[in-house]
Amino acid sequence: MKKIRVGIVGCGAIGTSLAKAVARDFSKGARLSALYDINLKKTKDLSRVLARNIAVSKLSQLISKSDLVI
């Protein structure tokens, strides 16, 4: 089964919780493909916490890398 590529817009408290849940609890069927926040520092920080290089600087990049955008 192909994993759903998930992109998350917003890397505050809610986005961080969602990203961690996708990475931890839904890894069999989904994978984080991109993170975006208007504050690029938040995006990069969350990407580092998750140990993945998935931070993007434009919303259009996130959309093109995702099957599902949250």
C-alpha atoms as a PDB file:
ATOM      1  CA  MET A   1       0.000   0.000   0.000  1.00  0.00           C
ATOM      2  CA  LYS A   2       1.281   3.454  -0.920  1.00  0.00           C
ATOM      3  CA  LYS A   3       1.738   5.792   2.030  1.00  0.00           C
ATOM      4  CA  ILE A   4      -0.215   9.047   2.011  1.00  0.00           C
ATOM      5  CA  ARG A   5       2.104  12.053   1.876  1.00  0.00           C
ATOM      6  CA  VAL A   6       0.992  14.493   4.588  1.00  0.00           C
ATOM      7  CA  GLY A   7       1.866  18.178   4.638  1.00  0.00           C
ATOM      8  CA  ILE A   8       1.189  20.340   7.674  1.00  0.00           C
ATOM      9  CA  VAL A   9       0.629  24.084   7.539  1.00  0.00           C
ATOM     10  CA  GLY A  10       1.430  25.757  10.827  1.00  0.00           C
ATOM     11  CA  CYS A  11       4.184  24.657  13.183  1.00  0.00           C
ATOM     12  CA  GLY A  12       2.822  25.988  16.448  1.00  0.00           C
ATOM     13  CA  ALA A  13       1.366  23.876  19.245  1.00  0.00           C
ATOM     14  CA  ILE A  14      -1.321  22.183  17.142  1.00  0.00           C
ATOM     15  CA  GLY A  15       0.877  21.612  14.092  1.00  0.00           C
ATOM     16  CA  THR A  16       3.646  20.190  16.264  1.00  0.00           C
ATOM     17  CA  SER A  17       1.239  17.773  17.963  1.00  0.00           C
ATOM     18  CA  LEU A  18      -0.169  16.681  14.615  1.00  0.00           C
ATOM     19  CA  ALA A  19       3.274  16.201  13.077  1.00  0.00           C
ATOM     20  CA  LYS A  20       4.451  14.100  15.996  1.00  0.00           C
ATOM     21  CA  ALA A  21       1.276  11.996  15.886  1.00  0.00           C
ATOM     22  CA  VAL A  22       1.602  11.343  12.152  1.00  0.00           C
ATOM     23  CA  ALA A  23       5.258  10.366  12.560  1.00  0.00           C
ATOM     24  CA  ARG A  24       4.639   8.198  15.628  1.00  0.00           C
ATOM     25  CA  ASP A  25       1.136   6.723  15.292  1.00  0.00           C
ATOM     26  CA  PHE A  26       0.383   6.642  11.574  1.00  0.00           C
ATOM     27  CA  SER A  27       3.730   5.675  10.064  1.00  0.00           C
ATOM     28  CA  LYS A  28       2.307   2.510   8.475  1.00  0.00           C
ATOM     29  CA  GLY A  29      -0.101   4.407   6.238  1.00  0.00           C
ATOM     30  CA  ALA A  30       1.240   7.952   6.121  1.00  0.00           C
ATOM     31  CA  ARG A  31       4.476   9.894   6.088  1.00  0.00           C
ATOM     32  CA  LEU A  32       5.210  13.539   6.691  1.00  0.00           C
ATOM     33  CA  SER A  33       6.245  15.062   3.400  1.00  0.00           C
ATOM     34  CA  ALA A  34       6.467  18.784   4.204  1.00  0.00           C
ATOM     35  CA  LEU A  35       6.076  21.388   6.929  1.00  0.00           C
ATOM     36  CA  TYR A  36       5.303  25.071   6.384  1.00  0.00           C
ATOM     37  CA  ASP A  37       4.788  28.074   8.633  1.00  0.00           C
ATOM     38  CA  ILE A  38       4.880  31.765   7.836  1.00  0.00           C
ATOM     39  CA  ASN A  39       7.626  31.883  10.486  1.00  0.00           C
ATOM     40  CA  LEU A  40      10.405  29.905   8.791  1.00  0.00           C
ATOM     41  CA  LYS A  41      12.276  29.455  12.088  1.00  0.00           C
ATOM     42  CA  LYS A  42       9.337  27.462  13.501  1.00  0.00           C
ATOM     43  CA  THR A  43       9.310  25.308  10.379  1.00  0.00           C
ATOM     44  CA  LYS A  44      13.017  24.536  10.611  1.00  0.00           C
ATOM     45  CA  ASP A  45      12.864  23.920  14.364  1.00  0.00           C
ATOM     46  CA  LEU A  46      10.039  21.389  14.044  1.00  0.00           C
ATOM     47  CA  SER A  47      11.795  19.695  11.147  1.00  0.00           C
ATOM     48  CA  ARG A  48      14.880  19.300  13.370  1.00  0.00           C
ATOM     49  CA  VAL A  49      12.831  17.938  16.293  1.00  0.00           C
ATOM     50  CA  LEU A  50      11.359  15.306  13.967  1.00  0.00           C
ATOM     51  CA  ALA A  51      14.847  14.586  12.554  1.00  0.00           C
ATOM     52  CA  ARG A  52      13.597  15.055   9.002  1.00  0.00           C
ATOM     53  CA  ASN A  53      14.536  17.527   6.307  1.00  0.00           C
ATOM     54  CA  ILE A  54      10.980  18.430   5.322  1.00  0.00           C
ATOM     55  CA  ALA A  55      10.822  22.189   5.955  1.00  0.00           C
ATOM     56  CA  VAL A  56       9.673  24.233   2.955  1.00  0.00           C
ATOM     57  CA  SER A  57       9.621  28.006   2.547  1.00  0.00           C
ATOM     58  CA  LYS A  58       6.581  28.307   0.266  1.00  0.00           C
ATOM     59  CA  LEU A  59       3.056  26.994   0.649  1.00  0.00           C
ATOM     60  CA  SER A  60       3.053  25.951  -3.023  1.00  0.00           C
ATOM     61  CA  GLN A  61       6.001  23.625  -2.318  1.00  0.00           C
ATOM     62  CA  LEU A  62       4.081  21.941   0.495  1.00  0.00           C
ATOM     63  CA  ILE A  63       1.032  21.461  -1.700  1.00  0.00           C
ATOM     64  CA  SER A  64       3.040  19.907  -4.534  1.00  0.00           C
ATOM     65  CA  LYS A  65       4.703  17.438  -2.132  1.00  0.00           C
ATOM     66  CA  SER A  66       1.490  16.351  -0.378  1.00  0.00           C
ATOM     67  CA  ASP A  67      -1.523  14.140  -0.985  1.00  0.00           C
ATOM     68  CA  LEU A  68      -3.199  15.518   2.159  1.00  0.00           C
ATOM     69  CA  VAL A  69      -2.726  19.009   3.598  1.00  0.00           C
ATOM     70  CA  ILE A  70      -3.613  19.696   7.225  1.00  0.00           C
END
